[in-house]
Amino acid sequence: MGLFSKIKDKAVSHLFKKSADSFISDFGNLNDLKIDSANKDIYLSVSLKGERESIDIKMSGYEVVKSKDDNFIQFQNITTSREWINVGIEKFFLERRIDIPAQYIGIVKFLL
């Protein structure tokens, strides 16, 4: 991974973390967010209210998809440090994707 990619990943991680912090503040805190655009991985560490230990989440093999009808981030694999969450992901989050509003897809595709 080149120097520019590392700097970009760090800056984008910081920007996304700042946005996500306010989004999950009712549930807990986002301890860490790292993006590795070379390997297409996103790593999160979250401390949820009522939980003693943080939950680590790794979303691997992401792809930002922009089409005429749909905009989303697709993940090949999502794993966490909690077995019950992994089971839930396998059972209920089959598409492993997060929809992105049309007005943001261009910038997300550029940044990731």
N, C-alpha and C. Protein backbone atom coordinates (compact mmCIF):
# COMPACT_ATOMS: atom_id res chain seq x y z
N MET A 1 0.85 -1.17 0.00
CA MET A 1 0.00 0.00 0.00
C MET A 1 0.90 1.23 0.00
N GLY A 2 0.60 2.18 -0.88
CA GLY A 2 1.41 3.38 -0.98
C GLY A 2 1.14 4.37 0.14
N LEU A 3 2.03 5.31 0.26
CA LEU A 3 1.92 6.33 1.30
C LEU A 3 0.62 7.13 1.16
N PHE A 4 0.28 7.51 -0.08
CA PHE A 4 -0.95 8.27 -0.29
C PHE A 4 -2.17 7.49 0.16
N SER A 5 -2.22 6.20 -0.15
CA SER A 5 -3.36 5.37 0.25
C SER A 5 -3.48 5.28 1.76
N LYS A 6 -2.35 5.15 2.45
CA LYS A 6 -2.37 5.08 3.91
C LYS A 6 -2.88 6.39 4.51
N ILE A 7 -2.41 7.51 3.97
CA ILE A 7 -2.85 8.82 4.47
C ILE A 7 -4.34 9.01 4.20
N LYS A 8 -4.77 8.65 2.99
CA LYS A 8 -6.19 8.76 2.64
C LYS A 8 -7.05 7.89 3.55
N ASP A 9 -6.65 6.64 3.76
CA ASP A 9 -7.39 5.71 4.62
C ASP A 9 -7.52 6.27 6.04
N LYS A 10 -6.44 6.83 6.54
CA LYS A 10 -6.46 7.40 7.90
C LYS A 10 -7.41 8.60 7.97
N ALA A 11 -7.36 9.46 6.98
CA ALA A 11 -8.23 10.64 6.96
C ALA A 11 -9.70 10.25 6.82
N VAL A 12 -9.98 9.32 5.93
CA VAL A 12 -11.36 8.86 5.72
C VAL A 12 -11.87 8.13 6.96
N SER A 13 -11.02 7.33 7.58
CA SER A 13 -11.40 6.64 8.82
C SER A 13 -11.79 7.65 9.89
N HIS A 14 -11.01 8.70 10.03
CA HIS A 14 -11.30 9.74 11.02
C HIS A 14 -12.62 10.43 10.71
N LEU A 15 -12.84 10.76 9.44
CA LEU A 15 -14.07 11.43 9.02
C LEU A 15 -15.30 10.54 9.27
N PHE A 16 -15.22 9.28 8.87
CA PHE A 16 -16.34 8.35 9.08
C PHE A 16 -16.58 8.10 10.57
N LYS A 17 -15.49 8.02 11.36
CA LYS A 17 -15.63 7.80 12.80
C LYS A 17 -16.38 8.96 13.44
N LYS A 18 -16.03 10.15 13.05
CA LYS A 18 -16.69 11.35 13.59
C LYS A 18 -18.19 11.33 13.28
N SER A 19 -18.55 10.95 12.07
CA SER A 19 -19.96 10.86 11.68
C SER A 19 -20.67 9.73 12.42
N ALA A 20 -20.02 8.58 12.51
CA ALA A 20 -20.63 7.41 13.14
C ALA A 20 -20.77 7.60 14.65
N ASP A 21 -19.86 8.34 15.27
CA ASP A 21 -19.94 8.59 16.71
C ASP A 21 -21.30 9.17 17.10
N SER A 22 -21.74 10.17 16.37
CA SER A 22 -23.03 10.79 16.70
C SER A 22 -24.19 9.86 16.37
N PHE A 23 -24.02 9.03 15.36
CA PHE A 23 -25.08 8.10 14.95
C PHE A 23 -25.34 7.04 16.02
N ILE A 24 -24.28 6.55 16.68
CA ILE A 24 -24.47 5.48 17.66
C ILE A 24 -24.40 5.95 19.11
N SER A 25 -24.37 7.26 19.33
CA SER A 25 -24.18 7.77 20.69
C SER A 25 -25.26 7.30 21.67
N ASP A 26 -26.46 7.03 21.20
CA ASP A 26 -27.52 6.53 22.08
C ASP A 26 -27.24 5.09 22.53
N PHE A 27 -26.43 4.37 21.76
CA PHE A 27 -26.15 2.96 22.04
C PHE A 27 -24.81 2.74 22.72
N GLY A 28 -23.87 3.65 22.48
CA GLY A 28 -22.52 3.48 23.03
C GLY A 28 -21.53 4.37 22.30
N ASN A 29 -20.28 3.92 22.25
CA ASN A 29 -19.21 4.70 21.63
C ASN A 29 -18.48 3.88 20.57
N LEU A 30 -18.07 4.54 19.53
CA LEU A 30 -17.22 3.93 18.52
C LEU A 30 -15.77 4.18 18.95
N ASN A 31 -15.10 3.14 19.41
CA ASN A 31 -13.73 3.28 19.90
C ASN A 31 -12.72 3.45 18.78
N ASP A 32 -12.95 2.72 17.70
CA ASP A 32 -11.96 2.72 16.62
C ASP A 32 -12.65 2.39 15.31
N LEU A 33 -12.16 2.99 14.25
CA LEU A 33 -12.62 2.69 12.90
C LEU A 33 -11.42 2.81 11.99
N LYS A 34 -11.09 1.73 11.31
CA LYS A 34 -9.95 1.72 10.39
C LYS A 34 -10.41 1.19 9.05
N ILE A 35 -9.99 1.88 8.02
CA ILE A 35 -10.28 1.46 6.65
C ILE A 35 -8.97 1.07 5.99
N ASP A 36 -8.96 -0.08 5.34
CA ASP A 36 -7.81 -0.56 4.58
C ASP A 36 -8.30 -0.73 3.14
N SER A 37 -8.14 0.34 2.36
CA SER A 37 -8.68 0.32 1.00
C SER A 37 -7.91 -0.64 0.08
N ALA A 38 -6.67 -0.92 0.40
CA ALA A 38 -5.89 -1.87 -0.43
C ALA A 38 -6.47 -3.28 -0.33
N ASN A 39 -6.86 -3.68 0.87
CA ASN A 39 -7.42 -5.00 1.08
C ASN A 39 -8.95 -5.01 1.12
N LYS A 40 -9.54 -3.83 1.02
CA LYS A 40 -11.01 -3.67 1.02
C LYS A 40 -11.63 -4.16 2.33
N ASP A 41 -11.01 -3.77 3.45
CA ASP A 41 -11.49 -4.15 4.78
C ASP A 41 -11.84 -2.91 5.60
N ILE A 42 -12.83 -3.05 6.46
CA ILE A 42 -13.20 -2.03 7.43
C ILE A 42 -13.25 -2.70 8.80
N TYR A 43 -12.57 -2.10 9.77
CA TYR A 43 -12.52 -2.63 11.12
C TYR A 43 -13.15 -1.61 12.07
N LEU A 44 -14.02 -2.09 12.95
CA LEU A 44 -14.67 -1.25 13.96
C LEU A 44 -14.50 -1.88 15.34
N SER A 45 -14.38 -1.04 16.34
CA SER A 45 -14.44 -1.48 17.72
C SER A 45 -15.46 -0.58 18.41
N VAL A 46 -16.48 -1.21 19.00
CA VAL A 46 -17.60 -0.48 19.57
C VAL A 46 -17.80 -0.87 21.03
N SER A 47 -17.98 0.13 21.89
CA SER A 47 -18.36 -0.12 23.28
C SER A 47 -19.84 0.23 23.42
N LEU A 48 -20.65 -0.79 23.68
CA LEU A 48 -22.08 -0.59 23.80
C LEU A 48 -22.48 -0.45 25.26
N LYS A 49 -23.48 0.38 25.48
CA LYS A 49 -23.98 0.57 26.85
C LYS A 49 -24.47 -0.77 27.38
N GLY A 50 -24.09 -1.08 28.63
CA GLY A 50 -24.50 -2.34 29.25
C GLY A 50 -23.57 -3.50 28.98
N GLU A 51 -22.61 -3.33 28.08
CA GLU A 51 -21.63 -4.38 27.76
C GLU A 51 -20.32 -4.08 28.49
N ARG A 52 -19.71 -5.10 29.05
CA ARG A 52 -18.44 -4.92 29.77
C ARG A 52 -17.26 -4.77 28.82
N GLU A 53 -17.30 -5.50 27.73
CA GLU A 53 -16.20 -5.48 26.77
C GLU A 53 -16.65 -4.91 25.44
N SER A 54 -15.70 -4.34 24.73
CA SER A 54 -16.03 -3.80 23.41
C SER A 54 -16.30 -4.95 22.43
N ILE A 55 -16.98 -4.63 21.36
CA ILE A 55 -17.28 -5.58 20.30
C ILE A 55 -16.45 -5.18 19.08
N ASP A 56 -15.68 -6.12 18.56
CA ASP A 56 -14.87 -5.87 17.37
C ASP A 56 -15.61 -6.41 16.16
N ILE A 57 -15.60 -5.62 15.10
CA ILE A 57 -16.30 -5.99 13.87
C ILE A 57 -15.33 -5.82 12.70
N LYS A 58 -15.25 -6.84 11.85
CA LYS A 58 -14.44 -6.77 10.65
C LYS A 58 -15.33 -7.06 9.45
N MET A 59 -15.36 -6.09 8.54
CA MET A 59 -16.13 -6.24 7.31
C MET A 59 -15.12 -6.33 6.17
N SER A 60 -15.05 -7.50 5.56
CA SER A 60 -14.00 -7.78 4.58
C SER A 60 -14.53 -7.79 3.16
N GLY A 61 -13.64 -7.44 2.26
CA GLY A 61 -13.95 -7.54 0.84
C GLY A 61 -15.09 -6.63 0.40
N TYR A 62 -15.03 -5.37 0.81
CA TYR A 62 -16.13 -4.47 0.44
C TYR A 62 -16.04 -4.03 -1.01
N GLU A 63 -17.18 -3.71 -1.55
CA GLU A 63 -17.28 -3.15 -2.90
C GLU A 63 -18.39 -2.10 -2.88
N VAL A 64 -18.08 -0.92 -3.36
CA VAL A 64 -19.08 0.14 -3.46
C VAL A 64 -19.75 0.00 -4.83
N VAL A 65 -21.07 -0.19 -4.82
CA VAL A 65 -21.82 -0.43 -6.05
C VAL A 65 -22.74 0.76 -6.32
N LYS A 66 -22.59 1.34 -7.49
CA LYS A 66 -23.43 2.45 -7.93
C LYS A 66 -24.08 2.04 -9.24
N SER A 67 -25.41 2.01 -9.24
CA SER A 67 -26.11 1.65 -10.46
C SER A 67 -27.29 2.60 -10.65
N LYS A 68 -27.99 2.40 -11.75
CA LYS A 68 -29.15 3.25 -12.04
C LYS A 68 -30.23 3.09 -10.97
N ASP A 69 -30.40 1.88 -10.48
CA ASP A 69 -31.49 1.58 -9.56
C ASP A 69 -31.09 1.47 -8.10
N ASP A 70 -29.81 1.24 -7.82
CA ASP A 70 -29.38 0.89 -6.47
C ASP A 70 -27.99 1.44 -6.17
N ASN A 71 -27.77 1.81 -4.92
CA ASN A 71 -26.46 2.25 -4.46
C ASN A 71 -26.21 1.61 -3.10
N PHE A 72 -25.08 0.91 -2.96
CA PHE A 72 -24.82 0.23 -1.70
C PHE A 72 -23.36 -0.17 -1.57
N ILE A 73 -22.99 -0.56 -0.34
CA ILE A 73 -21.70 -1.19 -0.09
C ILE A 73 -21.99 -2.66 0.18
N GLN A 74 -21.33 -3.52 -0.56
CA GLN A 74 -21.48 -4.97 -0.42
C GLN A 74 -20.24 -5.52 0.27
N PHE A 75 -20.43 -6.43 1.22
CA PHE A 75 -19.32 -7.06 1.94
C PHE A 75 -19.29 -8.55 1.64
N GLN A 76 -18.11 -9.09 1.40
CA GLN A 76 -17.98 -10.54 1.21
C GLN A 76 -18.15 -11.28 2.53
N ASN A 77 -17.64 -10.67 3.61
CA ASN A 77 -17.68 -11.34 4.90
C ASN A 77 -17.76 -10.31 6.02
N ILE A 78 -18.53 -10.64 7.06
CA ILE A 78 -18.61 -9.80 8.26
C ILE A 78 -18.46 -10.73 9.45
N THR A 79 -17.49 -10.43 10.30
CA THR A 79 -17.29 -11.20 11.52
C THR A 79 -17.17 -10.25 12.71
N THR A 80 -17.55 -10.75 13.87
CA THR A 80 -17.47 -9.97 15.10
C THR A 80 -16.82 -10.81 16.20
N SER A 81 -16.57 -10.15 17.31
CA SER A 81 -16.00 -10.85 18.46
C SER A 81 -17.08 -11.51 19.32
N ARG A 82 -18.32 -11.49 18.86
CA ARG A 82 -19.43 -12.12 19.58
C ARG A 82 -20.06 -13.19 18.70
N GLU A 83 -20.03 -14.42 19.17
CA GLU A 83 -20.56 -15.54 18.38
C GLU A 83 -22.03 -15.34 18.04
N TRP A 84 -22.83 -14.86 18.99
CA TRP A 84 -24.26 -14.72 18.74
C TRP A 84 -24.55 -13.67 17.67
N ILE A 85 -23.69 -12.64 17.58
CA ILE A 85 -23.86 -11.65 16.51
C ILE A 85 -23.49 -12.27 15.17
N ASN A 86 -22.44 -13.07 15.14
CA ASN A 86 -22.05 -13.76 13.90
C ASN A 86 -23.18 -14.65 13.39
N VAL A 87 -23.83 -15.37 14.31
CA VAL A 87 -24.96 -16.23 13.94
C VAL A 87 -26.10 -15.37 13.38
N GLY A 88 -26.37 -14.25 14.03
CA GLY A 88 -27.43 -13.35 13.55
C GLY A 88 -27.13 -12.79 12.17
N ILE A 89 -25.88 -12.44 11.94
CA ILE A 89 -25.48 -11.93 10.62
C ILE A 89 -25.70 -13.00 9.56
N GLU A 90 -25.29 -14.22 9.85
CA GLU A 90 -25.46 -15.32 8.90
C GLU A 90 -26.93 -15.62 8.63
N LYS A 91 -27.75 -15.44 9.64
CA LYS A 91 -29.16 -15.80 9.51
C LYS A 91 -30.02 -14.67 8.94
N PHE A 92 -29.74 -13.42 9.32
CA PHE A 92 -30.65 -12.32 8.98
C PHE A 92 -30.06 -11.25 8.07
N PHE A 93 -28.76 -11.21 7.92
CA PHE A 93 -28.13 -10.17 7.10
C PHE A 93 -27.50 -10.83 5.88
N LEU A 94 -28.32 -11.57 5.16
CA LEU A 94 -27.85 -12.43 4.08
C LEU A 94 -27.18 -11.67 2.94
N GLU A 95 -27.70 -10.51 2.61
CA GLU A 95 -27.15 -9.77 1.48
C GLU A 95 -25.83 -9.09 1.82
N ARG A 96 -25.55 -8.92 3.10
CA ARG A 96 -24.32 -8.28 3.57
C ARG A 96 -24.07 -6.97 2.83
N ARG A 97 -25.07 -6.12 2.84
CA ARG A 97 -24.92 -4.84 2.16
C ARG A 97 -25.58 -3.74 2.96
N ILE A 98 -25.09 -2.55 2.74
CA ILE A 98 -25.65 -1.35 3.38
C ILE A 98 -26.02 -0.39 2.25
N ASP A 99 -27.29 -0.02 2.20
CA ASP A 99 -27.74 0.91 1.18
C ASP A 99 -27.18 2.31 1.44
N ILE A 100 -26.83 3.01 0.37
CA ILE A 100 -26.27 4.36 0.45
C ILE A 100 -27.21 5.28 -0.32
N PRO A 101 -27.67 6.38 0.29
CA PRO A 101 -28.52 7.33 -0.43
C PRO A 101 -27.80 7.86 -1.68
N ALA A 102 -28.56 8.10 -2.72
CA ALA A 102 -28.00 8.51 -4.01
C ALA A 102 -27.11 9.75 -3.90
N GLN A 103 -27.48 10.70 -3.04
CA GLN A 103 -26.69 11.93 -2.95
C GLN A 103 -25.30 11.72 -2.33
N TYR A 104 -25.07 10.55 -1.68
CA TYR A 104 -23.78 10.29 -1.05
C TYR A 104 -22.94 9.24 -1.77
N ILE A 105 -23.51 8.52 -2.70
CA ILE A 105 -22.79 7.38 -3.30
C ILE A 105 -21.52 7.81 -4.04
N GLY A 106 -21.55 8.94 -4.70
CA GLY A 106 -20.38 9.41 -5.44
C GLY A 106 -19.19 9.64 -4.51
N ILE A 107 -19.43 10.33 -3.40
CA ILE A 107 -18.34 10.62 -2.46
C ILE A 107 -17.87 9.35 -1.75
N VAL A 108 -18.81 8.46 -1.42
CA VAL A 108 -18.42 7.20 -0.77
C VAL A 108 -17.55 6.38 -1.72
N LYS A 109 -17.95 6.31 -2.98
CA LYS A 109 -17.17 5.56 -3.98
C LYS A 109 -15.78 6.16 -4.14
N PHE A 110 -15.70 7.48 -4.14
CA PHE A 110 -14.41 8.15 -4.25
C PHE A 110 -13.53 7.91 -3.04
N LEU A 111 -14.12 7.98 -1.84
CA LEU A 111 -13.33 7.87 -0.61
C LEU A 111 -12.89 6.44 -0.32
N LEU A 112 -13.72 5.45 -0.64
CA LEU A 112 -13.37 4.07 -0.37
C LEU A 112 -12.70 3.44 -1.58
